Amino acid sequence: MMAPGDIRRRLARGQVSIGSWVTFRDPAAAEILAAAGYDWLAVDMEHSSLGIESASSLIRTISLCGVCPLVRLPSNDAVMAKRVMDAGAWGVIVPMVNTAEEARAAV
């Protein structure tokens, strides 16, 4: 079972971490992917029709399966980042960060 920080520690040691993307609403799809042995699953809110309710359900399912739940946000939006973190995401992926200013905004 993964714990918050495990992925970061693996990468710091030069180890590989393998994950996949979730774009389907059905938690069963996330459960099947989690059972496949991935270290992390990223719920994709940028290139899918997933909203916060669907993302929350997927985050919960992924976490309960012992896999690190990440979320790619639909945009560089602090409010949405807070919402998915409150829903249980262990981290966020911020899309379309192309400048230092955008990176600072994401942080």
Protein backbone atom coordinates (compact mmCIF):
# COMPACT_ATOMS: atom_id res chain seq x y z
CA MET A 1 0.00 0.00 0.00
CA MET A 2 1.33 3.43 -0.98
CA ALA A 3 1.66 6.22 1.53
CA PRO A 4 1.91 9.94 0.82
CA GLY A 5 5.53 10.71 -0.03
CA ASP A 6 6.40 7.21 -1.31
CA ILE A 7 6.50 8.32 -4.95
CA ARG A 8 8.73 11.30 -4.11
CA ARG A 9 11.14 9.07 -2.15
CA ARG A 10 11.32 6.56 -5.01
CA LEU A 11 12.09 9.25 -7.55
CA ALA A 12 14.71 10.83 -5.23
CA ARG A 13 16.47 7.43 -5.10
CA GLY A 14 16.40 7.19 -8.90
CA GLN A 15 13.78 4.44 -8.89
CA VAL A 16 11.00 4.12 -11.42
CA SER A 17 7.39 4.92 -10.59
CA ILE A 18 4.69 3.74 -12.97
CA GLY A 19 1.17 5.11 -13.23
CA SER A 20 -1.71 5.65 -15.58
CA TRP A 21 -4.49 8.11 -16.34
CA VAL A 22 -8.17 7.83 -15.44
CA THR A 23 -10.68 9.56 -17.71
CA PHE A 24 -13.78 7.42 -17.08
CA ARG A 25 -16.41 8.36 -14.47
CA ASP A 26 -17.05 4.82 -13.31
CA PRO A 27 -15.09 4.02 -10.12
CA ALA A 28 -14.90 0.41 -11.32
CA ALA A 29 -12.47 1.53 -14.06
CA ALA A 30 -10.23 3.12 -11.43
CA GLU A 31 -10.48 0.01 -9.27
CA ILE A 32 -9.42 -2.21 -12.19
CA LEU A 33 -6.43 0.04 -12.93
CA ALA A 34 -5.48 0.14 -9.23
CA ALA A 35 -5.53 -3.67 -9.13
CA ALA A 36 -3.14 -3.74 -12.11
CA GLY A 37 -0.28 -2.71 -9.81
CA TYR A 38 0.31 0.94 -10.69
CA ASP A 39 2.03 3.17 -8.14
CA TRP A 40 -0.20 6.15 -8.95
CA LEU A 41 -3.30 6.98 -10.95
CA ALA A 42 -3.98 10.48 -12.24
CA VAL A 43 -7.61 11.56 -12.51
CA ASP A 44 -7.65 13.76 -15.62
CA MET A 45 -9.93 16.76 -15.24
CA GLU A 46 -8.24 18.66 -18.08
CA HIS A 47 -8.93 16.34 -21.03
CA SER A 48 -12.14 14.68 -19.89
CA SER A 49 -15.62 15.66 -18.81
CA LEU A 50 -14.93 14.78 -15.16
CA GLY A 51 -16.22 17.28 -12.61
CA ILE A 52 -15.42 17.57 -8.92
CA GLU A 53 -18.10 15.04 -7.90
CA SER A 54 -16.79 12.36 -10.24
CA ALA A 55 -13.19 13.17 -9.36
CA SER A 56 -13.99 12.87 -5.64
CA SER A 57 -15.44 9.40 -6.15
CA LEU A 58 -12.45 8.30 -8.22
CA ILE A 59 -9.96 9.72 -5.69
CA ARG A 60 -11.66 7.80 -2.89
CA THR A 61 -11.67 4.54 -4.88
CA ILE A 62 -8.01 4.87 -5.88
CA SER A 63 -6.94 5.67 -2.33
CA LEU A 64 -8.92 2.79 -0.84
CA CYS A 65 -7.13 0.46 -3.28
CA GLY A 66 -3.77 1.55 -1.84
CA VAL A 67 -2.63 3.54 -4.87
CA CYS A 68 -1.53 7.20 -4.90
CA PRO A 69 -4.38 9.36 -6.28
CA LEU A 70 -3.23 12.39 -8.27
CA VAL A 71 -5.41 14.87 -10.16
CA ARG A 72 -4.59 16.86 -13.28
CA LEU A 73 -6.47 20.08 -12.81
CA PRO A 74 -8.50 21.61 -15.64
CA SER A 75 -6.40 24.79 -15.33
CA ASN A 76 -3.95 26.60 -13.05
CA ASP A 77 -6.69 27.25 -10.47
CA ALA A 78 -5.93 27.42 -6.74
CA VAL A 79 -9.59 26.96 -5.78
CA MET A 80 -9.88 23.72 -7.76
CA ALA A 81 -6.55 22.51 -6.35
CA LYS A 82 -7.89 23.03 -2.82
CA ARG A 83 -11.10 21.18 -3.67
CA VAL A 84 -9.39 18.08 -5.03
CA MET A 85 -6.89 18.06 -2.15
CA ASP A 86 -9.83 18.31 0.28
CA ALA A 87 -11.37 15.36 -1.59
CA GLY A 88 -8.26 13.29 -0.79
CA ALA A 89 -5.88 13.74 -3.73
CA TRP A 90 -2.26 13.28 -2.66
CA GLY A 91 -1.06 15.74 -5.26
CA VAL A 92 -2.03 17.80 -8.28
CA ILE A 93 -0.67 18.13 -11.78
CA VAL A 94 -1.05 21.69 -13.05
CA PRO A 95 -1.46 21.90 -16.83
CA MET A 96 -0.09 24.51 -19.22
CA VAL A 97 2.60 25.98 -16.98
CA ASN A 98 4.85 27.73 -19.49
CA THR A 99 6.38 30.64 -17.59
CA ALA A 100 8.00 31.30 -14.23
CA GLU A 101 5.01 33.44 -13.29
CA GLU A 102 2.60 30.58 -14.04
CA ALA A 103 4.78 28.22 -11.99
CA ARG A 104 4.70 30.63 -9.04
CA ALA A 105 0.91 30.85 -9.35
CA ALA A 106 0.69 27.06 -9.29
CA VAL A 107 2.79 26.83 -6.15
